[in-house]
Amino acid sequence: MTKKEQIEQTARELFWKYGFKKVSIEEICKKAGVSRKTYYTYFSNKPALVIALLEKMTNEMLEIYDRLIHDETKTFSEKMTEILSIKFQMNKDFSMEFVSDFFHPDSVEILEYFNGLIAKSMQMTRNFFEEAQKKGEMNSNLSIDFVMWNMQKQMELFMSSESVAMFKDTESMTRQMSELMIYGVMPVK
């Protein structure tokens, strides 16, 4: 493993568990077994490292998502079930501290990057839903604009301190919000 990979792996473990605000560069370097000079060879500051980790994770997830939504062997329902499963698994690793750190006033750069990722994901989702409606696989009575607006509002709720306070972990918060969006209040089959 390269020194850069050591830094990334260590930071990911620490950030996902404790949030990135509470973890210092010094802690990352000590646990990764690298010097501060080595750290700064690869990352200009802590937000740059957070963004690099998010970018790596997001690119992997978007590749999986893109392959899945274009898989002609699966139905819309099967794709939605897999998307939810992937979403739940991804959020399982994030601590509430990690999620809360995005909304800290000092996290502007990270939040801007995160919002860009959301916009890209939302466009992919819009295209997926539009195609599903054309094929008759998604409720044709629903306005895609309304569905997308609703998803955006759910994202805002996900980012609110009030929502974060209601849940013990990000997986349960993501599960509740996603299932409400997909299934409403009807029992899940």
C-alpha atoms as a PDB file:
ATOM      1  CA  MET A   1       0.000   0.000   0.000  1.00  0.00           C
ATOM      2  CA  THR A   2       1.355   3.424  -0.921  1.00  0.00           C
ATOM      3  CA  LYS A   3       1.707   6.208   1.631  1.00  0.00           C
ATOM      4  CA  LYS A   4      -1.171   8.060  -0.039  1.00  0.00           C
ATOM      5  CA  GLU A   5      -3.370   4.970   0.270  1.00  0.00           C
ATOM      6  CA  GLN A   6      -2.366   4.615   3.929  1.00  0.00           C
ATOM      7  CA  ILE A   7      -3.434   8.206   4.578  1.00  0.00           C
ATOM      8  CA  GLU A   8      -6.727   7.717   2.719  1.00  0.00           C
ATOM      9  CA  GLN A   9      -7.572   4.444   4.438  1.00  0.00           C
ATOM     10  CA  THR A  10      -6.764   5.821   7.872  1.00  0.00           C
ATOM     11  CA  ALA A  11      -8.657   9.059   7.279  1.00  0.00           C
ATOM     12  CA  ARG A  12     -11.678   7.185   5.973  1.00  0.00           C
ATOM     13  CA  GLU A  13     -11.797   4.997   9.097  1.00  0.00           C
ATOM     14  CA  LEU A  14     -11.436   7.993  11.401  1.00  0.00           C
ATOM     15  CA  PHE A  15     -13.711  10.394   9.495  1.00  0.00           C
ATOM     16  CA  TRP A  16     -16.527   7.902   8.988  1.00  0.00           C
ATOM     17  CA  LYS A  17     -16.474   7.036  12.697  1.00  0.00           C
ATOM     18  CA  TYR A  18     -15.802  10.394  14.378  1.00  0.00           C
ATOM     19  CA  GLY A  19     -16.548  12.972  11.695  1.00  0.00           C
ATOM     20  CA  PHE A  20     -13.898  15.026   9.966  1.00  0.00           C
ATOM     21  CA  LYS A  21     -14.094  18.036  12.305  1.00  0.00           C
ATOM     22  CA  LYS A  22     -12.872  16.141  15.367  1.00  0.00           C
ATOM     23  CA  VAL A  23     -10.025  14.313  13.626  1.00  0.00           C
ATOM     24  CA  SER A  24      -6.766  16.190  13.219  1.00  0.00           C
ATOM     25  CA  ILE A  25      -4.180  15.841  10.483  1.00  0.00           C
ATOM     26  CA  GLU A  26      -1.741  14.896  13.231  1.00  0.00           C
ATOM     27  CA  GLU A  27      -3.983  11.967  14.291  1.00  0.00           C
ATOM     28  CA  ILE A  28      -4.251  10.776  10.695  1.00  0.00           C
ATOM     29  CA  CYS A  29      -0.487  10.937  10.206  1.00  0.00           C
ATOM     30  CA  LYS A  30       0.244   9.150  13.478  1.00  0.00           C
ATOM     31  CA  LYS A  31      -2.207   6.316  12.828  1.00  0.00           C
ATOM     32  CA  ALA A  32      -1.157   6.005   9.158  1.00  0.00           C
ATOM     33  CA  GLY A  33       2.520   5.983  10.104  1.00  0.00           C
ATOM     34  CA  VAL A  34       3.444   8.931   7.885  1.00  0.00           C
ATOM     35  CA  SER A  35       4.910  12.357   8.497  1.00  0.00           C
ATOM     36  CA  ARG A  36       3.023  15.640   8.124  1.00  0.00           C
ATOM     37  CA  LYS A  37       5.338  16.425   5.213  1.00  0.00           C
ATOM     38  CA  THR A  38       4.193  13.248   3.484  1.00  0.00           C
ATOM     39  CA  TYR A  39       0.570  14.170   4.161  1.00  0.00           C
ATOM     40  CA  TYR A  40       1.026  17.598   2.573  1.00  0.00           C
ATOM     41  CA  THR A  41       2.700  15.997  -0.439  1.00  0.00           C
ATOM     42  CA  TYR A  42      -0.704  14.562  -1.344  1.00  0.00           C
ATOM     43  CA  PHE A  43      -3.276  16.850   0.282  1.00  0.00           C
ATOM     44  CA  SER A  44      -3.166  20.610   0.748  1.00  0.00           C
ATOM     45  CA  ASN A  45      -5.441  20.510   3.799  1.00  0.00           C
ATOM     46  CA  LYS A  46      -8.077  18.395   5.538  1.00  0.00           C
ATOM     47  CA  PRO A  47     -11.002  19.451   3.295  1.00  0.00           C
ATOM     48  CA  ALA A  48      -8.949  18.339   0.256  1.00  0.00           C
ATOM     49  CA  LEU A  49      -8.609  14.891   1.829  1.00  0.00           C
ATOM     50  CA  VAL A  50     -12.322  14.706   2.675  1.00  0.00           C
ATOM     51  CA  ILE A  51     -13.203  15.677  -0.896  1.00  0.00           C
ATOM     52  CA  ALA A  52     -10.745  13.131  -2.323  1.00  0.00           C
ATOM     53  CA  LEU A  53     -12.356  10.387  -0.231  1.00  0.00           C
ATOM     54  CA  LEU A  54     -15.873  11.452  -1.178  1.00  0.00           C
ATOM     55  CA  GLU A  55     -14.902  11.647  -4.833  1.00  0.00           C
ATOM     56  CA  LYS A  56     -13.415   8.162  -4.825  1.00  0.00           C
ATOM     57  CA  MET A  57     -16.434   6.677  -3.041  1.00  0.00           C
ATOM     58  CA  THR A  58     -18.934   8.580  -5.177  1.00  0.00           C
ATOM     59  CA  ASN A  59     -17.294   7.638  -8.471  1.00  0.00           C
ATOM     60  CA  GLU A  60     -17.474   3.974  -7.469  1.00  0.00           C
ATOM     61  CA  MET A  61     -21.124   4.326  -6.437  1.00  0.00           C
ATOM     62  CA  LEU A  62     -22.107   6.244  -9.573  1.00  0.00           C
ATOM     63  CA  GLU A  63     -20.506   3.551 -11.751  1.00  0.00           C
ATOM     64  CA  ILE A  64     -22.518   0.870  -9.948  1.00  0.00           C
ATOM     65  CA  TYR A  65     -25.670   2.999 -10.159  1.00  0.00           C
ATOM     66  CA  ASP A  66     -25.159   3.699 -13.866  1.00  0.00           C
ATOM     67  CA  ARG A  67     -24.618   0.002 -14.670  1.00  0.00           C
ATOM     68  CA  LEU A  68     -27.657  -0.954 -12.622  1.00  0.00           C
ATOM     69  CA  ILE A  69     -30.101   1.545 -14.127  1.00  0.00           C
ATOM     70  CA  HIS A  70     -29.027   0.562 -17.648  1.00  0.00           C
ATOM     71  CA  ASP A  71     -29.253  -3.196 -16.983  1.00  0.00           C
ATOM     72  CA  GLU A  72     -31.931  -4.382 -19.412  1.00  0.00           C
ATOM     73  CA  THR A  73     -32.250  -7.760 -17.648  1.00  0.00           C
ATOM     74  CA  LYS A  74     -33.782  -6.191 -14.508  1.00  0.00           C
ATOM     75  CA  THR A  75     -37.199  -4.660 -13.989  1.00  0.00           C
ATOM     76  CA  PHE A  76     -37.675  -1.166 -12.608  1.00  0.00           C
ATOM     77  CA  SER A  77     -38.791  -2.702  -9.314  1.00  0.00           C
ATOM     78  CA  GLU A  78     -35.675  -4.884  -9.094  1.00  0.00           C
ATOM     79  CA  LYS A  79     -33.477  -1.896  -9.887  1.00  0.00           C
ATOM     80  CA  MET A  80     -35.160   0.226  -7.206  1.00  0.00           C
ATOM     81  CA  THR A  81     -34.735  -2.556  -4.640  1.00  0.00           C
ATOM     82  CA  GLU A  82     -31.027  -2.847  -5.469  1.00  0.00           C
ATOM     83  CA  ILE A  83     -30.552   0.923  -5.431  1.00  0.00           C
ATOM     84  CA  LEU A  84     -32.080   1.093  -1.956  1.00  0.00           C
ATOM     85  CA  SER A  85     -29.902  -1.776  -0.766  1.00  0.00           C
ATOM     86  CA  ILE A  86     -26.760  -0.049  -2.067  1.00  0.00           C
ATOM     87  CA  LYS A  87     -27.845   3.239  -0.515  1.00  0.00           C
ATOM     88  CA  PHE A  88     -28.461   1.598   2.873  1.00  0.00           C
ATOM     89  CA  GLN A  89     -25.134  -0.238   2.770  1.00  0.00           C
ATOM     90  CA  MET A  90     -23.219   2.910   1.858  1.00  0.00           C
ATOM     91  CA  ASN A  91     -24.784   4.929   4.663  1.00  0.00           C
ATOM     92  CA  LYS A  92     -24.223   2.145   7.200  1.00  0.00           C
ATOM     93  CA  ASP A  93     -20.574   3.170   7.541  1.00  0.00           C
ATOM     94  CA  PHE A  94     -21.198   6.875   8.163  1.00  0.00           C
ATOM     95  CA  SER A  95     -21.518   8.076  11.726  1.00  0.00           C
ATOM     96  CA  MET A  96     -23.993  10.786  12.607  1.00  0.00           C
ATOM     97  CA  GLU A  97     -20.957  12.939  13.461  1.00  0.00           C
ATOM     98  CA  PHE A  98     -19.691  12.565   9.898  1.00  0.00           C
ATOM     99  CA  VAL A  99     -23.053  13.639   8.460  1.00  0.00           C
ATOM    100  CA  SER A 100     -23.364  16.531  10.930  1.00  0.00           C
ATOM    101  CA  ASP A 101     -19.922  17.846   9.973  1.00  0.00           C
ATOM    102  CA  PHE A 102     -21.150  18.666   6.471  1.00  0.00           C
ATOM    103  CA  PHE A 103     -23.339  21.404   7.918  1.00  0.00           C
ATOM    104  CA  HIS A 104     -20.684  23.010  10.081  1.00  0.00           C
ATOM    105  CA  PRO A 105     -20.020  26.636   9.046  1.00  0.00           C
ATOM    106  CA  ASP A 106     -16.362  25.783   8.329  1.00  0.00           C
ATOM    107  CA  SER A 107     -17.324  23.047   5.838  1.00  0.00           C
ATOM    108  CA  VAL A 108     -18.364  25.298   2.952  1.00  0.00           C
ATOM    109  CA  GLU A 109     -15.881  23.797   0.470  1.00  0.00           C
ATOM    110  CA  ILE A 110     -16.927  20.239   1.318  1.00  0.00           C
ATOM    111  CA  LEU A 111     -20.631  21.045   1.257  1.00  0.00           C
ATOM    112  CA  GLU A 112     -20.276  22.729  -2.155  1.00  0.00           C
ATOM    113  CA  TYR A 113     -18.555  19.619  -3.496  1.00  0.00           C
ATOM    114  CA  PHE A 114     -21.218  17.380  -1.930  1.00  0.00           C
ATOM    115  CA  ASN A 115     -24.003  19.476  -3.476  1.00  0.00           C
ATOM    116  CA  GLY A 116     -22.377  19.019  -6.890  1.00  0.00           C
ATOM    117  CA  LEU A 117     -22.449  15.254  -6.373  1.00  0.00           C
ATOM    118  CA  ILE A 118     -26.100  15.417  -5.414  1.00  0.00           C
ATOM    119  CA  ALA A 119     -26.908  17.377  -8.576  1.00  0.00           C
ATOM    120  CA  LYS A 120     -25.184  14.753 -10.740  1.00  0.00           C
ATOM    121  CA  SER A 121     -26.998  11.925  -8.963  1.00  0.00           C
ATOM    122  CA  MET A 122     -30.341  13.716  -9.240  1.00  0.00           C
ATOM    123  CA  GLN A 123     -29.902  14.120 -13.012  1.00  0.00           C
ATOM    124  CA  MET A 124     -29.154  10.403 -13.370  1.00  0.00           C
ATOM    125  CA  THR A 125     -32.221   9.626 -11.269  1.00  0.00           C
ATOM    126  CA  ARG A 126     -34.423  11.940 -13.353  1.00  0.00           C
ATOM    127  CA  ASN A 127     -33.297  10.199 -16.546  1.00  0.00           C
ATOM    128  CA  PHE A 128     -33.903   6.795 -14.944  1.00  0.00           C
ATOM    129  CA  PHE A 129     -37.423   7.764 -13.849  1.00  0.00           C
ATOM    130  CA  GLU A 130     -38.296   9.323 -17.213  1.00  0.00           C
ATOM    131  CA  GLU A 131     -37.213   6.151 -19.000  1.00  0.00           C
ATOM    132  CA  ALA A 132     -39.162   3.985 -16.539  1.00  0.00           C
ATOM    133  CA  GLN A 133     -42.293   6.055 -17.145  1.00  0.00           C
ATOM    134  CA  LYS A 134     -41.883   5.734 -20.926  1.00  0.00           C
ATOM    135  CA  LYS A 135     -41.680   1.952 -20.531  1.00  0.00           C
ATOM    136  CA  GLY A 136     -44.734   1.914 -18.264  1.00  0.00           C
ATOM    137  CA  GLU A 137     -42.716   0.633 -15.285  1.00  0.00           C
ATOM    138  CA  MET A 138     -43.279   3.668 -13.066  1.00  0.00           C
ATOM    139  CA  ASN A 139     -46.534   5.319 -12.048  1.00  0.00           C
ATOM    140  CA  SER A 140     -47.424   7.455 -15.056  1.00  0.00           C
ATOM    141  CA  ASN A 141     -49.673   9.692 -12.931  1.00  0.00           C
ATOM    142  CA  LEU A 142     -46.661  11.111 -11.124  1.00  0.00           C
ATOM    143  CA  SER A 143     -45.009  14.251 -12.410  1.00  0.00           C
ATOM    144  CA  ILE A 144     -41.249  13.664 -12.637  1.00  0.00           C
ATOM    145  CA  ASP A 145     -40.741  17.303 -11.681  1.00  0.00           C
ATOM    146  CA  PHE A 146     -42.759  16.748  -8.507  1.00  0.00           C
ATOM    147  CA  VAL A 147     -40.904  13.511  -7.687  1.00  0.00           C
ATOM    148  CA  MET A 148     -37.546  15.233  -8.155  1.00  0.00           C
ATOM    149  CA  TRP A 149     -38.665  18.245  -6.101  1.00  0.00           C
ATOM    150  CA  ASN A 150     -39.779  15.857  -3.364  1.00  0.00           C
ATOM    151  CA  MET A 151     -36.422  14.069  -3.445  1.00  0.00           C
ATOM    152  CA  GLN A 152     -34.650  17.419  -3.158  1.00  0.00           C
ATOM    153  CA  LYS A 153     -36.802  18.307  -0.147  1.00  0.00           C
ATOM    154  CA  GLN A 154     -35.947  14.955   1.417  1.00  0.00           C
ATOM    155  CA  MET A 155     -32.261  15.733   0.893  1.00  0.00           C
ATOM    156  CA  GLU A 156     -32.779  19.022   2.720  1.00  0.00           C
ATOM    157  CA  LEU A 157     -34.477  17.132   5.548  1.00  0.00           C
ATOM    158  CA  PHE A 158     -31.593  14.653   5.616  1.00  0.00           C
ATOM    159  CA  MET A 159     -29.240  17.587   6.089  1.00  0.00           C
ATOM    160  CA  SER A 160     -31.231  19.235   8.866  1.00  0.00           C
ATOM    161  CA  SER A 161     -30.078  19.017  12.465  1.00  0.00           C
ATOM    162  CA  GLU A 162     -33.660  18.162  13.481  1.00  0.00           C
ATOM    163  CA  SER A 163     -33.641  15.030  11.294  1.00  0.00           C
ATOM    164  CA  VAL A 164     -30.186  14.012  12.445  1.00  0.00           C
ATOM    165  CA  ALA A 165     -31.355  14.259  16.075  1.00  0.00           C
ATOM    166  CA  MET A 166     -34.227  11.795  15.440  1.00  0.00           C
ATOM    167  CA  PHE A 167     -32.054   8.846  14.474  1.00  0.00           C
ATOM    168  CA  LYS A 168     -29.355   6.790  16.138  1.00  0.00           C
ATOM    169  CA  ASP A 169     -27.429   6.223  12.905  1.00  0.00           C
ATOM    170  CA  THR A 170     -27.330   7.257   9.260  1.00  0.00           C
ATOM    171  CA  GLU A 171     -28.491   3.885   7.991  1.00  0.00           C
ATOM    172  CA  SER A 172     -31.792   4.073   9.889  1.00  0.00           C
ATOM    173  CA  MET A 173     -32.274   7.700   8.842  1.00  0.00           C
ATOM    174  CA  THR A 174     -31.612   6.847   5.183  1.00  0.00           C
ATOM    175  CA  ARG A 175     -33.869   3.787   5.378  1.00  0.00           C
ATOM    176  CA  GLN A 176     -36.783   5.752   6.872  1.00  0.00           C
ATOM    177  CA  MET A 177     -36.548   8.596   4.364  1.00  0.00           C
ATOM    178  CA  SER A 178     -36.081   6.305   1.359  1.00  0.00           C
ATOM    179  CA  GLU A 179     -38.879   3.949   2.282  1.00  0.00           C
ATOM    180  CA  LEU A 180     -41.242   6.858   2.869  1.00  0.00           C
ATOM    181  CA  MET A 181     -40.374   8.199  -0.584  1.00  0.00           C
ATOM    182  CA  ILE A 182     -40.679   4.845  -2.372  1.00  0.00           C
ATOM    183  CA  TYR A 183     -43.481   3.088  -0.498  1.00  0.00           C
ATOM    184  CA  GLY A 184     -45.290   5.898   1.289  1.00  0.00           C
ATOM    185  CA  VAL A 185     -47.104   4.678   4.385  1.00  0.00           C
ATOM    186  CA  MET A 186     -48.190   1.387   2.801  1.00  0.00           C
ATOM    187  CA  PRO A 187     -46.637  -1.808   4.162  1.00  0.00           C
ATOM    188  CA  VAL A 188     -43.533  -2.991   2.301  1.00  0.00           C
ATOM    189  CA  LYS A 189     -44.044  -6.351   0.570  1.00  0.00           C
END
